[in-house]
Amino acid sequence: TVIRFWGYDIIHDMDSCLKTIEEAIFEQKVSDTLD
């Protein structure tokens, strides 16, 4: 899974960046349990 953030977004909206990563982690966990 590839996630890209712009520097501006990291500096000005860190919570959104963290949420995106945590959602990808959650999706991966769900996918792993289904396999």
Full PDB file with SEQRES, HELIX, SHEET, SSBOND, CRYST1, ORIGX, SCALE, CONECT and MASTER records, all heavy atoms in Angstrom:
SEQRES   1 A   35  THR VAL ILE ARG PHE TRP GLY TYR ASP ILE ILE HIS ASP          
SEQRES   2 A   35  MET ASP SER CYS LEU LYS THR ILE GLU GLU ALA ILE PHE          
SEQRES   3 A   35  GLU GLN LYS VAL SER ASP THR LEU ASP                          
HELIX    1 AA1 GLY A    7  HIS A   12  1                                   6    
HELIX    2 AA2 MET A   14  LEU A   34  1                                  21    
CRYST1    1.000    1.000    1.000  90.00  90.00  90.00 P 1           1          
ORIGX1      1.000000  0.000000  0.000000        0.00000                         
ORIGX2      0.000000  1.000000  0.000000        0.00000                         
ORIGX3      0.000000  0.000000  1.000000        0.00000                         
SCALE1      1.000000  0.000000  0.000000        0.00000                         
SCALE2      0.000000  1.000000  0.000000        0.00000                         
SCALE3      0.000000  0.000000  1.000000        0.00000                         
ATOM      1  N   THR A   1       0.874  -1.170   0.000  1.00  0.00           N  
ATOM      2  CA  THR A   1       0.000   0.000   0.000  1.00  0.00           C  
ATOM      3  C   THR A   1       0.911   1.220   0.000  1.00  0.00           C  
ATOM      4  O   THR A   1       1.818   1.316   0.822  1.00  0.00           O  
ATOM      5  CB  THR A   1      -0.891   0.016   1.261  1.00  0.00           C  
ATOM      6  OG1 THR A   1      -1.691  -1.159   1.270  1.00  0.00           O  
ATOM      7  CG2 THR A   1      -1.764   1.255   1.297  1.00  0.00           C  
ATOM      8  N   VAL A   2       0.672   2.131  -0.929  1.00  0.00           N  
ATOM      9  CA  VAL A   2       1.504   3.333  -1.053  1.00  0.00           C  
ATOM     10  C   VAL A   2       0.694   4.548  -0.622  1.00  0.00           C  
ATOM     11  O   VAL A   2      -0.424   4.751  -1.095  1.00  0.00           O  
ATOM     12  CB  VAL A   2       2.012   3.519  -2.500  1.00  0.00           C  
ATOM     13  CG1 VAL A   2       2.833   4.794  -2.624  1.00  0.00           C  
ATOM     14  CG2 VAL A   2       2.812   2.307  -2.950  1.00  0.00           C  
ATOM     15  N   ILE A   3       1.266   5.322   0.267  1.00  0.00           N  
ATOM     16  CA  ILE A   3       0.635   6.562   0.731  1.00  0.00           C  
ATOM     17  C   ILE A   3       1.609   7.698   0.475  1.00  0.00           C  
ATOM     18  O   ILE A   3       2.782   7.606   0.811  1.00  0.00           O  
ATOM     19  CB  ILE A   3       0.289   6.484   2.236  1.00  0.00           C  
ATOM     20  CG1 ILE A   3      -0.648   5.300   2.511  1.00  0.00           C  
ATOM     21  CG2 ILE A   3      -0.326   7.789   2.710  1.00  0.00           C  
ATOM     22  CD1 ILE A   3      -0.903   5.049   3.988  1.00  0.00           C  
ATOM     23  N   ARG A   4       1.107   8.762  -0.123  1.00  0.00           N  
ATOM     24  CA  ARG A   4       1.924   9.943  -0.396  1.00  0.00           C  
ATOM     25  C   ARG A   4       1.298  11.157   0.270  1.00  0.00           C  
ATOM     26  O   ARG A   4       0.093  11.368   0.183  1.00  0.00           O  
ATOM     27  CB  ARG A   4       2.006  10.217  -1.905  1.00  0.00           C  
ATOM     28  CG  ARG A   4       2.821   9.221  -2.632  1.00  0.00           C  
ATOM     29  CD  ARG A   4       3.062   9.655  -4.089  1.00  0.00           C  
ATOM     30  NE  ARG A   4       3.998   8.741  -4.690  1.00  0.00           N  
ATOM     31  CZ  ARG A   4       5.302   8.797  -4.557  1.00  0.00           C  
ATOM     32  NH1 ARG A   4       5.841   9.772  -3.873  1.00  0.00           N  
ATOM     33  NH2 ARG A   4       6.080   7.912  -5.133  1.00  0.00           N  
ATOM     34  N   PHE A   5       2.150  11.926   0.923  1.00  0.00           N  
ATOM     35  CA  PHE A   5       1.702  13.165   1.538  1.00  0.00           C  
ATOM     36  C   PHE A   5       2.533  14.322   1.000  1.00  0.00           C  
ATOM     37  O   PHE A   5       3.742  14.187   0.809  1.00  0.00           O  
ATOM     38  CB  PHE A   5       1.874  13.134   3.066  1.00  0.00           C  
ATOM     39  CG  PHE A   5       1.032  12.111   3.758  1.00  0.00           C  
ATOM     40  CD1 PHE A   5       1.619  11.060   4.439  1.00  0.00           C  
ATOM     41  CD2 PHE A   5      -0.351  12.201   3.737  1.00  0.00           C  
ATOM     42  CE1 PHE A   5       0.852  10.123   5.088  1.00  0.00           C  
ATOM     43  CE2 PHE A   5      -1.131  11.258   4.389  1.00  0.00           C  
ATOM     44  CZ  PHE A   5      -0.525  10.210   5.063  1.00  0.00           C  
ATOM     45  N   TRP A   6       1.880  15.444   0.790  1.00  0.00           N  
ATOM     46  CA  TRP A   6       2.601  16.671   0.453  1.00  0.00           C  
ATOM     47  C   TRP A   6       3.129  17.270   1.746  1.00  0.00           C  
ATOM     48  O   TRP A   6       2.500  17.157   2.799  1.00  0.00           O  
ATOM     49  CB  TRP A   6       1.676  17.670  -0.231  1.00  0.00           C  
ATOM     50  CG  TRP A   6       1.222  17.245  -1.581  1.00  0.00           C  
ATOM     51  CD1 TRP A   6      -0.047  16.909  -1.953  1.00  0.00           C  
ATOM     52  CD2 TRP A   6       2.033  17.100  -2.758  1.00  0.00           C  
ATOM     53  NE1 TRP A   6      -0.069  16.564  -3.273  1.00  0.00           N  
ATOM     54  CE2 TRP A   6       1.188  16.673  -3.803  1.00  0.00           C  
ATOM     55  CE3 TRP A   6       3.390  17.278  -3.025  1.00  0.00           C  
ATOM     56  CZ2 TRP A   6       1.648  16.432  -5.087  1.00  0.00           C  
ATOM     57  CZ3 TRP A   6       3.848  17.043  -4.312  1.00  0.00           C  
ATOM     58  CH2 TRP A   6       2.985  16.631  -5.329  1.00  0.00           C  
ATOM     59  N   GLY A   7       4.253  17.932   1.641  1.00  0.00           N  
ATOM     60  CA  GLY A   7       4.854  18.574   2.808  1.00  0.00           C  
ATOM     61  C   GLY A   7       3.900  19.533   3.487  1.00  0.00           C  
ATOM     62  O   GLY A   7       3.815  19.574   4.722  1.00  0.00           O  
ATOM     63  N   TYR A   8       3.157  20.285   2.714  1.00  0.00           N  
ATOM     64  CA  TYR A   8       2.206  21.248   3.265  1.00  0.00           C  
ATOM     65  C   TYR A   8       1.194  20.545   4.157  1.00  0.00           C  
ATOM     66  O   TYR A   8       0.854  21.016   5.238  1.00  0.00           O  
ATOM     67  CB  TYR A   8       1.487  21.994   2.133  1.00  0.00           C  
ATOM     68  CG  TYR A   8       0.493  23.010   2.631  1.00  0.00           C  
ATOM     69  CD1 TYR A   8       0.885  24.312   2.899  1.00  0.00           C  
ATOM     70  CD2 TYR A   8      -0.835  22.661   2.873  1.00  0.00           C  
ATOM     71  CE1 TYR A   8      -0.028  25.248   3.386  1.00  0.00           C  
ATOM     72  CE2 TYR A   8      -1.750  23.573   3.359  1.00  0.00           C  
ATOM     73  CZ  TYR A   8      -1.341  24.871   3.609  1.00  0.00           C  
ATOM     74  OH  TYR A   8      -2.246  25.786   4.097  1.00  0.00           O  
ATOM     75  N   ASP A   9       0.694  19.389   3.691  1.00  0.00           N  
ATOM     76  CA  ASP A   9      -0.319  18.659   4.449  1.00  0.00           C  
ATOM     77  C   ASP A   9       0.242  18.111   5.758  1.00  0.00           C  
ATOM     78  O   ASP A   9      -0.444  18.102   6.777  1.00  0.00           O  
ATOM     79  CB  ASP A   9      -0.898  17.522   3.606  1.00  0.00           C  
ATOM     80  CG  ASP A   9      -1.636  18.045   2.385  1.00  0.00           C  
ATOM     81  OD1 ASP A   9      -2.173  19.173   2.452  1.00  0.00           O  
ATOM     82  OD2 ASP A   9      -1.664  17.343   1.359  1.00  0.00           O  
ATOM     83  N   ILE A  10       1.486  17.641   5.718  1.00  0.00           N  
ATOM     84  CA  ILE A  10       2.105  17.127   6.943  1.00  0.00           C  
ATOM     85  C   ILE A  10       2.237  18.242   7.974  1.00  0.00           C  
ATOM     86  O   ILE A  10       1.921  18.066   9.150  1.00  0.00           O  
ATOM     87  CB  ILE A  10       3.475  16.488   6.641  1.00  0.00           C  
ATOM     88  CG1 ILE A  10       3.283  15.223   5.807  1.00  0.00           C  
ATOM     89  CG2 ILE A  10       4.233  16.177   7.922  1.00  0.00           C  
ATOM     90  CD1 ILE A  10       4.571  14.648   5.248  1.00  0.00           C  
ATOM     91  N   ILE A  11       2.674  19.397   7.525  1.00  0.00           N  
ATOM     92  CA  ILE A  11       2.886  20.520   8.445  1.00  0.00           C  
ATOM     93  C   ILE A  11       1.569  21.086   8.973  1.00  0.00           C  
ATOM     94  O   ILE A  11       1.444  21.389  10.153  1.00  0.00           O  
ATOM     95  CB  ILE A  11       3.718  21.629   7.756  1.00  0.00           C  
ATOM     96  CG1 ILE A  11       5.136  21.123   7.519  1.00  0.00           C  
ATOM     97  CG2 ILE A  11       3.729  22.912   8.581  1.00  0.00           C  
ATOM     98  CD1 ILE A  11       5.978  22.008   6.622  1.00  0.00           C  
ATOM     99  N   HIS A  12       0.558  21.205   8.093  1.00  0.00           N  
ATOM    100  CA  HIS A  12      -0.668  21.898   8.469  1.00  0.00           C  
ATOM    101  C   HIS A  12      -1.835  20.986   8.868  1.00  0.00           C  
ATOM    102  O   HIS A  12      -2.827  21.483   9.422  1.00  0.00           O  
ATOM    103  CB  HIS A  12      -1.105  22.833   7.340  1.00  0.00           C  
ATOM    104  CG  HIS A  12      -0.162  23.957   7.140  1.00  0.00           C  
ATOM    105  ND1 HIS A  12       0.865  23.921   6.216  1.00  0.00           N  
ATOM    106  CD2 HIS A  12      -0.041  25.142   7.772  1.00  0.00           C  
ATOM    107  CE1 HIS A  12       1.553  25.036   6.276  1.00  0.00           C  
ATOM    108  NE2 HIS A  12       1.040  25.798   7.221  1.00  0.00           N  
ATOM    109  N   ASP A  13      -1.751  19.698   8.570  1.00  0.00           N  
ATOM    110  CA  ASP A  13      -2.866  18.809   8.904  1.00  0.00           C  
ATOM    111  C   ASP A  13      -2.354  17.414   9.265  1.00  0.00           C  
ATOM    112  O   ASP A  13      -2.714  16.424   8.639  1.00  0.00           O  
ATOM    113  CB  ASP A  13      -3.851  18.743   7.731  1.00  0.00           C  
ATOM    114  CG  ASP A  13      -5.188  18.148   8.137  1.00  0.00           C  
ATOM    115  OD1 ASP A  13      -5.397  17.896   9.345  1.00  0.00           O  
ATOM    116  OD2 ASP A  13      -6.027  17.928   7.244  1.00  0.00           O  
ATOM    117  N   MET A  14      -1.516  17.356  10.278  1.00  0.00           N  
ATOM    118  CA  MET A  14      -0.909  16.096  10.711  1.00  0.00           C  
ATOM    119  C   MET A  14      -1.967  15.069  11.095  1.00  0.00           C  
ATOM    120  O   MET A  14      -1.829  13.885  10.791  1.00  0.00           O  
ATOM    121  CB  MET A  14       0.037  16.344  11.888  1.00  0.00           C  
ATOM    122  CG  MET A  14       0.680  15.097  12.429  1.00  0.00           C  
ATOM    123  SD  MET A  14       1.799  14.308  11.273  1.00  0.00           S  
ATOM    124  CE  MET A  14       3.152  15.467  11.361  1.00  0.00           C  
ATOM    125  N   ASP A  15      -3.038  15.503  11.757  1.00  0.00           N  
ATOM    126  CA  ASP A  15      -4.075  14.561  12.190  1.00  0.00           C  
ATOM    127  C   ASP A  15      -4.671  13.804  11.011  1.00  0.00           C  
ATOM    128  O   ASP A  15      -4.896  12.595  11.091  1.00  0.00           O  
ATOM    129  CB  ASP A  15      -5.188  15.291  12.954  1.00  0.00           C  
ATOM    130  CG  ASP A  15      -4.725  15.804  14.310  1.00  0.00           C  
ATOM    131  OD1 ASP A  15      -3.710  15.283  14.830  1.00  0.00           O  
ATOM    132  OD2 ASP A  15      -5.375  16.725  14.843  1.00  0.00           O  
ATOM    133  N   SER A  16      -4.895  14.494   9.923  1.00  0.00           N  
ATOM    134  CA  SER A  16      -5.436  13.850   8.728  1.00  0.00           C  
ATOM    135  C   SER A  16      -4.444  12.839   8.148  1.00  0.00           C  
ATOM    136  O   SER A  16      -4.832  11.753   7.707  1.00  0.00           O  
ATOM    137  CB  SER A  16      -5.793  14.908   7.680  1.00  0.00           C  
ATOM    138  OG  SER A  16      -6.248  14.303   6.513  1.00  0.00           O  
ATOM    139  N   CYS A  17      -3.169  13.175   8.165  1.00  0.00           N  
ATOM    140  CA  CYS A  17      -2.132  12.258   7.666  1.00  0.00           C  
ATOM    141  C   CYS A  17      -2.084  11.000   8.526  1.00  0.00           C  
ATOM    142  O   CYS A  17      -2.041   9.879   8.000  1.00  0.00           O  
ATOM    143  CB  CYS A  17      -0.764  12.945   7.647  1.00  0.00           C  
ATOM    144  SG  CYS A  17      -0.666  14.350   6.533  1.00  0.00           S  
ATOM    145  N   LEU A  18      -2.106  11.173   9.838  1.00  0.00           N  
ATOM    146  CA  LEU A  18      -2.095  10.027  10.742  1.00  0.00           C  
ATOM    147  C   LEU A  18      -3.341   9.170  10.558  1.00  0.00           C  
ATOM    148  O   LEU A  18      -3.267   7.934  10.565  1.00  0.00           O  
ATOM    149  CB  LEU A  18      -1.980  10.490  12.189  1.00  0.00           C  
ATOM    150  CG  LEU A  18      -0.644  11.093  12.594  1.00  0.00           C  
ATOM    151  CD1 LEU A  18      -0.724  11.682  13.995  1.00  0.00           C  
ATOM    152  CD2 LEU A  18       0.467  10.071  12.502  1.00  0.00           C  
ATOM    153  N   LYS A  19      -4.481   9.814  10.366  1.00  0.00           N  
ATOM    154  CA  LYS A  19      -5.732   9.086  10.153  1.00  0.00           C  
ATOM    155  C   LYS A  19      -5.648   8.240   8.882  1.00  0.00           C  
ATOM    156  O   LYS A  19      -6.087   7.085   8.873  1.00  0.00           O  
ATOM    157  CB  LYS A  19      -6.902  10.060  10.081  1.00  0.00           C  
ATOM    158  CG  LYS A  19      -8.241   9.390   9.949  1.00  0.00           C  
ATOM    159  CD  LYS A  19      -9.375  10.395   9.914  1.00  0.00           C  
ATOM    160  CE  LYS A  19     -10.690   9.647   9.727  1.00  0.00           C  
ATOM    161  NZ  LYS A  19     -11.798  10.550   9.481  1.00  0.00           N  
ATOM    162  N   THR A  20      -5.063   8.788   7.828  1.00  0.00           N  
ATOM    163  CA  THR A  20      -4.908   8.049   6.572  1.00  0.00           C  
ATOM    164  C   THR A  20      -4.051   6.799   6.781  1.00  0.00           C  
ATOM    165  O   THR A  20      -4.385   5.713   6.300  1.00  0.00           O  
ATOM    166  CB  THR A  20      -4.270   8.951   5.498  1.00  0.00           C  
ATOM    167  OG1 THR A  20      -5.123  10.082   5.277  1.00  0.00           O  
ATOM    168  CG2 THR A  20      -4.065   8.217   4.194  1.00  0.00           C  
ATOM    169  N   ILE A  21      -2.963   6.945   7.500  1.00  0.00           N  
ATOM    170  CA  ILE A  21      -2.078   5.801   7.767  1.00  0.00           C  
ATOM    171  C   ILE A  21      -2.791   4.774   8.641  1.00  0.00           C  
ATOM    172  O   ILE A  21      -2.740   3.565   8.370  1.00  0.00           O  
ATOM    173  CB  ILE A  21      -0.757   6.269   8.413  1.00  0.00           C  
ATOM    174  CG1 ILE A  21       0.047   7.101   7.408  1.00  0.00           C  
ATOM    175  CG2 ILE A  21       0.060   5.078   8.898  1.00  0.00           C  
ATOM    176  CD1 ILE A  21       1.250   7.806   7.988  1.00  0.00           C  
ATOM    177  N   GLU A  22      -3.493   5.241   9.677  1.00  0.00           N  
ATOM    178  CA  GLU A  22      -4.193   4.314  10.563  1.00  0.00           C  
ATOM    179  C   GLU A  22      -5.312   3.569   9.839  1.00  0.00           C  
ATOM    180  O   GLU A  22      -5.559   2.391  10.109  1.00  0.00           O  
ATOM    181  CB  GLU A  22      -4.722   5.053  11.790  1.00  0.00           C  
ATOM    182  CG  GLU A  22      -3.593   5.466  12.722  1.00  0.00           C  
ATOM    183  CD  GLU A  22      -4.042   6.254  13.935  1.00  0.00           C  
ATOM    184  OE1 GLU A  22      -4.967   7.099  13.810  1.00  0.00           O  
ATOM    185  OE2 GLU A  22      -3.455   6.023  15.007  1.00  0.00           O  
ATOM    186  N   GLU A  23      -5.973   4.227   8.898  1.00  0.00           N  
ATOM    187  CA  GLU A  23      -7.008   3.554   8.112  1.00  0.00           C  
ATOM    188  C   GLU A  23      -6.383   2.469   7.227  1.00  0.00           C  
ATOM    189  O   GLU A  23      -6.946   1.386   7.080  1.00  0.00           O  
ATOM    190  CB  GLU A  23      -7.773   4.566   7.258  1.00  0.00           C  
ATOM    191  CG  GLU A  23      -8.723   5.424   8.061  1.00  0.00           C  
ATOM    192  CD  GLU A  23      -9.334   6.569   7.264  1.00  0.00           C  
ATOM    193  OE1 GLU A  23      -8.944   6.789   6.090  1.00  0.00           O  
ATOM    194  OE2 GLU A  23     -10.208   7.259   7.825  1.00  0.00           O  
ATOM    195  N   ALA A  24      -5.212   2.748   6.658  1.00  0.00           N  
ATOM    196  CA  ALA A  24      -4.521   1.745   5.842  1.00  0.00           C  
ATOM    197  C   ALA A  24      -4.089   0.558   6.696  1.00  0.00           C  
ATOM    198  O   ALA A  24      -4.180  -0.603   6.261  1.00  0.00           O  
ATOM    199  CB  ALA A  24      -3.320   2.374   5.144  1.00  0.00           C  
ATOM    200  N   ILE A  25      -3.643   0.821   7.916  1.00  0.00           N  
ATOM    201  CA  ILE A  25      -3.264  -0.257   8.842  1.00  0.00           C  
ATOM    202  C   ILE A  25      -4.487  -1.107   9.173  1.00  0.00           C  
ATOM    203  O   ILE A  25      -4.437  -2.346   9.142  1.00  0.00           O  
ATOM    204  CB  ILE A  25      -2.618   0.315  10.124  1.00  0.00           C  
ATOM    205  CG1 ILE A  25      -1.244   0.895   9.795  1.00  0.00           C  
ATOM    206  CG2 ILE A  25      -2.520  -0.749  11.213  1.00  0.00           C  
ATOM    207  CD1 ILE A  25      -0.619   1.710  10.923  1.00  0.00           C  
ATOM    208  N   PHE A  26      -5.592  -0.456   9.466  1.00  0.00           N  
ATOM    209  CA  PHE A  26      -6.828  -1.168   9.788  1.00  0.00           C  
ATOM    210  C   PHE A  26      -7.263  -2.041   8.611  1.00  0.00           C  
ATOM    211  O   PHE A  26      -7.621  -3.210   8.792  1.00  0.00           O  
ATOM    212  CB  PHE A  26      -7.937  -0.170  10.169  1.00  0.00           C  
ATOM    213  CG  PHE A  26      -9.251  -0.826  10.465  1.00  0.00           C  
ATOM    214  CD1 PHE A  26      -9.460  -1.476  11.676  1.00  0.00           C  
ATOM    215  CD2 PHE A  26     -10.276  -0.812   9.526  1.00  0.00           C  
ATOM    216  CE1 PHE A  26     -10.671  -2.089  11.948  1.00  0.00           C  
ATOM    217  CE2 PHE A  26     -11.485  -1.425   9.798  1.00  0.00           C  
ATOM    218  CZ  PHE A  26     -11.696  -2.067  11.005  1.00  0.00           C  
ATOM    219  N   GLU A  27      -7.237  -1.482   7.410  1.00  0.00           N  
ATOM    220  CA  GLU A  27      -7.608  -2.255   6.208  1.00  0.00           C  
ATOM    221  C   GLU A  27      -6.710  -3.464   6.035  1.00  0.00           C  
ATOM    222  O   GLU A  27      -7.171  -4.546   5.665  1.00  0.00           O  
ATOM    223  CB  GLU A  27      -7.570  -1.372   4.964  1.00  0.00           C  
ATOM    224  CG  GLU A  27      -8.693  -0.365   4.899  1.00  0.00           C  
ATOM    225  CD  GLU A  27      -8.542   0.603   3.728  1.00  0.00           C  
ATOM    226  OE1 GLU A  27      -7.811   0.299   2.764  1.00  0.00           O  
ATOM    227  OE2 GLU A  27      -9.194   1.669   3.785  1.00  0.00           O  
ATOM    228  N   GLN A  28      -5.421  -3.301   6.307  1.00  0.00           N  
ATOM    229  CA  GLN A  28      -4.480  -4.413   6.187  1.00  0.00           C  
ATOM    230  C   GLN A  28      -4.789  -5.490   7.226  1.00  0.00           C  
ATOM    231  O   GLN A  28      -4.753  -6.677   6.923  1.00  0.00           O  
ATOM    232  CB  GLN A  28      -3.044  -3.918   6.339  1.00  0.00           C  
ATOM    233  CG  GLN A  28      -2.001  -4.966   6.058  1.00  0.00           C  
ATOM    234  CD  GLN A  28      -2.071  -5.498   4.636  1.00  0.00           C  
ATOM    235  OE1 GLN A  28      -2.235  -4.741   3.686  1.00  0.00           O  
ATOM    236  NE2 GLN A  28      -1.951  -6.790   4.486  1.00  0.00           N  
ATOM    237  N   LYS A  29      -5.097  -5.069   8.444  1.00  0.00           N  
ATOM    238  CA  LYS A  29      -5.454  -6.034   9.502  1.00  0.00           C  
ATOM    239  C   LYS A  29      -6.704  -6.820   9.118  1.00  0.00           C  
ATOM    240  O   LYS A  29      -6.774  -8.032   9.306  1.00  0.00           O  
ATOM    241  CB  LYS A  29      -5.657  -5.320  10.832  1.00  0.00           C  
ATOM    242  CG  LYS A  29      -4.386  -4.867  11.507  1.00  0.00           C  
ATOM    243  CD  LYS A  29      -4.710  -4.172  12.820  1.00  0.00           C  
ATOM    244  CE  LYS A  29      -3.464  -3.734  13.553  1.00  0.00           C  
ATOM    245  NZ  LYS A  29      -3.779  -3.018  14.814  1.00  0.00           N  
ATOM    246  N   VAL A  30      -7.714  -6.129   8.600  1.00  0.00           N  
ATOM    247  CA  VAL A  30      -8.950  -6.787   8.188  1.00  0.00           C  
ATOM    248  C   VAL A  30      -8.656  -7.773   7.051  1.00  0.00           C  
ATOM    249  O   VAL A  30      -9.112  -8.901   7.063  1.00  0.00           O  
ATOM    250  CB  VAL A  30     -10.015  -5.744   7.759  1.00  0.00           C  
ATOM    251  CG1 VAL A  30     -11.192  -6.417   7.075  1.00  0.00           C  
ATOM    252  CG2 VAL A  30     -10.470  -4.948   8.966  1.00  0.00           C  
ATOM    253  N   SER A  31      -7.862  -7.331   6.110  1.00  0.00           N  
ATOM    254  CA  SER A  31      -7.489  -8.189   4.980  1.00  0.00           C  
ATOM    255  C   SER A  31      -6.745  -9.438   5.450  1.00  0.00           C  
ATOM    256  O   SER A  31      -6.988 -10.550   4.954  1.00  0.00           O  
ATOM    257  CB  SER A  31      -6.624  -7.391   4.001  1.00  0.00           C  
ATOM    258  OG  SER A  31      -6.091  -8.229   3.014  1.00  0.00           O  
ATOM    259  N   ASP A  32      -5.858  -9.276   6.410  1.00  0.00           N  
ATOM    260  CA  ASP A  32      -5.090 -10.404   6.951  1.00  0.00           C  
ATOM    261  C   ASP A  32      -6.002 -11.417   7.644  1.00  0.00           C  
ATOM    262  O   ASP A  32      -5.762 -12.626   7.574  1.00  0.00           O  
ATOM    263  CB  ASP A  32      -3.998  -9.933   7.910  1.00  0.00           C  
ATOM    264  CG  ASP A  32      -2.853  -9.252   7.198  1.00  0.00           C  
ATOM    265  OD1 ASP A  32      -2.770  -9.360   5.946  1.00  0.00           O  
ATOM    266  OD2 ASP A  32      -2.028  -8.588   7.877  1.00  0.00           O  
ATOM    267  N   THR A  33      -7.034 -10.940   8.343  1.00  0.00           N  
ATOM    268  CA  THR A  33      -7.928 -11.859   9.042  1.00  0.00           C  
ATOM    269  C   THR A  33      -8.826 -12.616   8.077  1.00  0.00           C  
ATOM    270  O   THR A  33      -9.262 -13.713   8.372  1.00  0.00           O  
ATOM    271  CB  THR A  33      -8.787 -11.129  10.084  1.00  0.00           C  
ATOM    272  OG1 THR A  33      -9.570 -10.123   9.449  1.00  0.00           O  
ATOM    273  CG2 THR A  33      -7.937 -10.516  11.181  1.00  0.00           C  
ATOM    274  N   LEU A  34      -9.094 -12.030   6.909  1.00  0.00           N  
ATOM    275  CA  LEU A  34      -9.941 -12.692   5.918  1.00  0.00           C  
ATOM    276  C   LEU A  34      -9.169 -13.746   5.126  1.00  0.00           C  
ATOM    277  O   LEU A  34      -9.767 -14.646   4.546  1.00  0.00           O  
ATOM    278  CB  LEU A  34     -10.556 -11.671   4.959  1.00  0.00           C  
ATOM    279  CG  LEU A  34     -11.525 -10.664   5.589  1.00  0.00           C  
ATOM    280  CD1 LEU A  34     -11.967  -9.656   4.553  1.00  0.00           C  
ATOM    281  CD2 LEU A  34     -12.721 -11.379   6.191  1.00  0.00           C  
ATOM    282  N   ASP A  35      -7.843 -13.633   5.096  1.00  0.00           N  
ATOM    283  CA  ASP A  35      -7.030 -14.587   4.322  1.00  0.00           C  
ATOM    284  C   ASP A  35      -6.902 -15.912   4.997  1.00  0.00           C  
ATOM    285  O   ASP A  35      -7.062 -16.264   6.030  1.00  0.00           O  
ATOM    286  CB  ASP A  35      -5.623 -14.022   4.062  1.00  0.00           C  
ATOM    287  CG  ASP A  35      -5.685 -12.879   3.054  1.00  0.00           C  
ATOM    288  OD1 ASP A  35      -6.665 -12.793   2.327  1.00  0.00           O  
ATOM    289  OD2 ASP A  35      -4.731 -12.075   3.023  1.00  0.00           O  
TER     290      ASP A  35                                                      
MASTER        0    0    0    2    0    0    0    6  289    1    0    3          
END                                                                             
